[in-house]
C-alpha atoms as a PDB file:
ATOM      1  CA  MET A   1       3.478   8.630  26.803  1.00  0.00           C
ATOM      2  CA  ALA A   2       0.675   6.275  26.634  1.00  0.00           C
ATOM      3  CA  GLY A   3      -1.187   8.121  23.146  1.00  0.00           C
ATOM      4  CA  ALA A   4       2.349   7.961  21.106  1.00  0.00           C
ATOM      5  CA  VAL A   5       2.278   4.063  21.966  1.00  0.00           C
ATOM      6  CA  VAL A   6      -1.312   4.095  20.954  1.00  0.00           C
ATOM      7  CA  VAL A   7      -0.467   6.062  18.186  1.00  0.00           C
ATOM      8  CA  ILE A   8       2.763   4.216  17.102  1.00  0.00           C
ATOM      9  CA  PHE A   9       0.308   0.962  17.483  1.00  0.00           C
ATOM     10  CA  ILE A  10      -2.304   2.131  14.854  1.00  0.00           C
ATOM     11  CA  TYR A  11       0.093   2.501  12.944  1.00  0.00           C
ATOM     12  CA  PHE A  12       1.974  -0.656  12.497  1.00  0.00           C
ATOM     13  CA  LEU A  13      -1.968  -2.434  12.382  1.00  0.00           C
ATOM     14  CA  LEU A  14      -2.003  -0.503   9.152  1.00  0.00           C
ATOM     15  CA  LEU A  15       0.442  -2.109   7.673  1.00  0.00           C
ATOM     16  CA  PHE A  16      -0.133  -5.316   9.121  1.00  0.00           C
ATOM     17  CA  ARG A  17      -3.251  -5.439   7.587  1.00  0.00           C
ATOM     18  CA  ILE A  18      -1.876  -3.404   4.416  1.00  0.00           C
ATOM     19  CA  LEU A  19       0.370  -6.628   3.691  1.00  0.00           C
ATOM     20  CA  ILE A  20      -2.562  -8.847   3.923  1.00  0.00           C
ATOM     21  CA  THR A  21      -4.697  -7.201   1.952  1.00  0.00           C
ATOM     22  CA  ALA A  22      -1.348  -7.562  -0.392  1.00  0.00           C
ATOM     23  CA  LYS A  23      -1.159 -11.835  -0.058  1.00  0.00           C
ATOM     24  CA  LYS A  24      -4.151 -12.195  -0.551  1.00  0.00           C
ATOM     25  CA  ALA A  25      -4.634  -9.843  -4.298  1.00  0.00           C
ATOM     26  CA  THR A  26      -5.783 -12.528  -6.493  1.00  0.00           C
ATOM     27  CA  THR A  27      -3.940 -10.614  -9.376  1.00  0.00           C
ATOM     28  CA  ILE A  28       0.525  -9.049  -9.603  1.00  0.00           C
ATOM     29  CA  PHE A  29      -1.612  -5.513 -10.071  1.00  0.00           C
ATOM     30  CA  ALA A  30      -4.093  -5.540  -6.868  1.00  0.00           C
ATOM     31  CA  THR A  31      -0.807  -6.392  -5.161  1.00  0.00           C
ATOM     32  CA  LEU A  32       1.290  -4.238  -6.737  1.00  0.00           C
ATOM     33  CA  LEU A  33      -1.284  -1.065  -5.566  1.00  0.00           C
ATOM     34  CA  VAL A  34      -1.726  -1.977  -2.197  1.00  0.00           C
ATOM     35  CA  ILE A  35       1.575  -1.932  -1.597  1.00  0.00           C
ATOM     36  CA  GLY A  36       2.668   1.175  -3.623  1.00  0.00           C
ATOM     37  CA  VAL A  37       0.100   3.279  -2.043  1.00  0.00           C
ATOM     38  CA  GLY A  38      -0.210   1.309   1.129  1.00  0.00           C
ATOM     39  CA  ILE A  39       3.604   1.660   2.653  1.00  0.00           C
ATOM     40  CA  PRO A  40       3.627   4.869   1.301  1.00  0.00           C
ATOM     41  CA  ILE A  41       1.097   6.433   4.025  1.00  0.00           C
ATOM     42  CA  VAL A  42       3.738   3.646   6.607  1.00  0.00           C
ATOM     43  CA  PHE A  43       6.847   5.503   5.445  1.00  0.00           C
ATOM     44  CA  GLN A  44       5.513   9.297   6.000  1.00  0.00           C
ATOM     45  CA  ALA A  45       3.493   8.169  10.274  1.00  0.00           C
ATOM     46  CA  MET A  46       7.241   7.120  10.762  1.00  0.00           C
ATOM     47  CA  ILE A  47       9.339  10.247   9.618  1.00  0.00           C
ATOM     48  CA  ASN A  48       6.100  12.389  11.167  1.00  0.00           C
ATOM     49  CA  MET A  49       7.318  10.957  14.333  1.00  0.00           C
ATOM     50  CA  ALA A  50      10.720  11.510  13.699  1.00  0.00           C
ATOM     51  CA  VAL A  51      10.101  14.359  12.963  1.00  0.00           C
ATOM     52  CA  ALA A  52       8.331  15.405  16.310  1.00  0.00           C
ATOM     53  CA  VAL A  53      10.716  13.365  18.076  1.00  0.00           C
ATOM     54  CA  ASN A  54      14.156  15.229  16.458  1.00  0.00           C
ATOM     55  CA  ILE A  55      15.677  12.656  15.339  1.00  0.00           C
ATOM     56  CA  LEU A  56      15.534  13.654  11.837  1.00  0.00           C
ATOM     57  CA  PRO A  57      15.380  17.405  10.164  1.00  0.00           C
ATOM     58  CA  VAL A  58      11.606  19.217  10.270  1.00  0.00           C
ATOM     59  CA  THR A  59      10.452  18.520   6.846  1.00  0.00           C
ATOM     60  CA  GLY A  60       6.823  20.073   6.452  1.00  0.00           C
ATOM     61  CA  GLN A  61       5.183  16.949   6.104  1.00  0.00           C
ATOM     62  CA  THR A  62       1.919  16.013   7.811  1.00  0.00           C
ATOM     63  CA  LEU A  63       0.762  12.850  10.144  1.00  0.00           C
ATOM     64  CA  PRO A  64      -1.701  10.670   7.807  1.00  0.00           C
ATOM     65  CA  LEU A  65      -5.562  10.493   8.737  1.00  0.00           C
ATOM     66  CA  ILE A  66      -4.602  12.687  12.391  1.00  0.00           C
ATOM     67  CA  SER A  67      -2.539  16.263  11.350  1.00  0.00           C
ATOM     68  CA  SER A  68      -5.239  17.830   8.746  1.00  0.00           C
ATOM     69  CA  GLY A  69      -3.137  19.162   5.729  1.00  0.00           C
ATOM     70  CA  GLY A  70      -5.366  19.774   2.596  1.00  0.00           C
ATOM     71  CA  THR A  71      -4.511  17.520  -0.019  1.00  0.00           C
ATOM     72  CA  SER A  72      -2.672  15.062   3.029  1.00  0.00           C
ATOM     73  CA  ILE A  73      -6.007  13.870   3.122  1.00  0.00           C
ATOM     74  CA  TRP A  74      -7.282  13.718   0.483  1.00  0.00           C
ATOM     75  CA  MET A  75      -4.624  12.056  -0.817  1.00  0.00           C
ATOM     76  CA  THR A  76      -4.486   9.372   2.317  1.00  0.00           C
ATOM     77  CA  CYS A  77      -8.319   8.749   1.872  1.00  0.00           C
ATOM     78  CA  PHE A  78      -7.409   8.163  -1.532  1.00  0.00           C
ATOM     79  CA  ALA A  79      -5.294   5.238  -1.087  1.00  0.00           C
ATOM     80  CA  LEU A  80      -6.536   4.086   1.745  1.00  0.00           C
ATOM     81  CA  GLY A  81     -10.223   3.822  -0.768  1.00  0.00           C
ATOM     82  CA  MET A  82      -8.046   2.039  -3.643  1.00  0.00           C
ATOM     83  CA  ILE A  83      -6.535  -0.195  -0.763  1.00  0.00           C
ATOM     84  CA  LEU A  84     -10.114  -0.653   0.232  1.00  0.00           C
ATOM     85  CA  SER A  85     -11.286  -2.134  -3.352  1.00  0.00           C
ATOM     86  CA  VAL A  86      -9.212  -4.644  -3.827  1.00  0.00           C
ATOM     87  CA  SER A  87      -9.263  -6.131  -0.651  1.00  0.00           C
ATOM     88  CA  ALA A  88     -13.336  -5.968  -1.787  1.00  0.00           C
ATOM     89  CA  SER A  89     -12.654  -7.809  -5.250  1.00  0.00           C
ATOM     90  CA  LYS A  90     -11.662 -11.607  -3.689  1.00  0.00           C
ATOM     91  CA  ASN A  91     -13.627 -13.059  -6.181  1.00  0.00           C
ATOM     92  CA  GLU A  92     -12.085 -11.986  -9.304  1.00  0.00           C
ATOM     93  CA  THR A  93      -8.939 -13.938 -10.580  1.00  0.00           C
ATOM     94  CA  GLU A  94      -6.665 -12.600 -13.766  1.00  0.00           C
ATOM     95  CA  GLU A  95      -9.249 -14.917 -15.783  1.00  0.00           C
ATOM     96  CA  THR A  96     -11.750 -13.850 -15.294  1.00  0.00           C
ATOM     97  CA  ILE A  97     -10.745  -9.914 -16.158  1.00  0.00           C
ATOM     98  CA  LEU A  98      -9.043 -11.513 -19.050  1.00  0.00           C
ATOM     99  CA  ASP A  99     -12.219 -13.485 -20.146  1.00  0.00           C
ATOM    100  CA  ASP A 100     -14.408  -9.726 -20.047  1.00  0.00           C
ATOM    101  CA  ASN A 101     -12.848  -8.007 -22.906  1.00  0.00           C
ATOM    102  CA  PRO A 102     -14.890  -5.324 -23.753  1.00  0.00           C
ATOM    103  CA  LEU A 103     -12.744  -5.948 -26.506  1.00  0.00           C
ATOM    104  CA  ASP A 104     -14.337  -9.393 -27.852  1.00  0.00           C
ATOM    105  CA  ILE A 105     -17.389  -7.331 -28.548  1.00  0.00           C
ATOM    106  CA  LEU A 106     -15.203  -5.344 -31.507  1.00  0.00           C
ATOM    107  CA  HIS A 107     -13.798  -8.556 -32.896  1.00  0.00           C
ATOM    108  CA  GLU A 108     -16.458  -9.983 -33.088  1.00  0.00           C
ATOM    109  CA  THR A 109     -18.760  -7.502 -34.908  1.00  0.00           C
ATOM    110  CA  LEU A 110     -16.203  -7.199 -37.566  1.00  0.00           C
ATOM    111  CA  ASP A 111     -16.014 -11.260 -38.326  1.00  0.00           C
END
């Protein structure tokens, strides 16, 4: 029983950190990226736990970061890597991203 509470607490902590990262993201794309790849991880965990206690029918989904599934662990790690990348790039704003347009060099060459 105590182990289940710890696992649920860790997933809620992950959800909390995902929401904080989305709130602190400097661009709309970064916010949508964090929400889009972070919420499904927690949602998949809730579905798996509901299946384990017979609330939902068996779906065959793995428990993210705990169960060993073939591509499931790869995609979960890939999603968490994208979230970490967004949280690490707090200095960039939309203006600095738009100022570094690689097509500006092409326009300078043509002029």
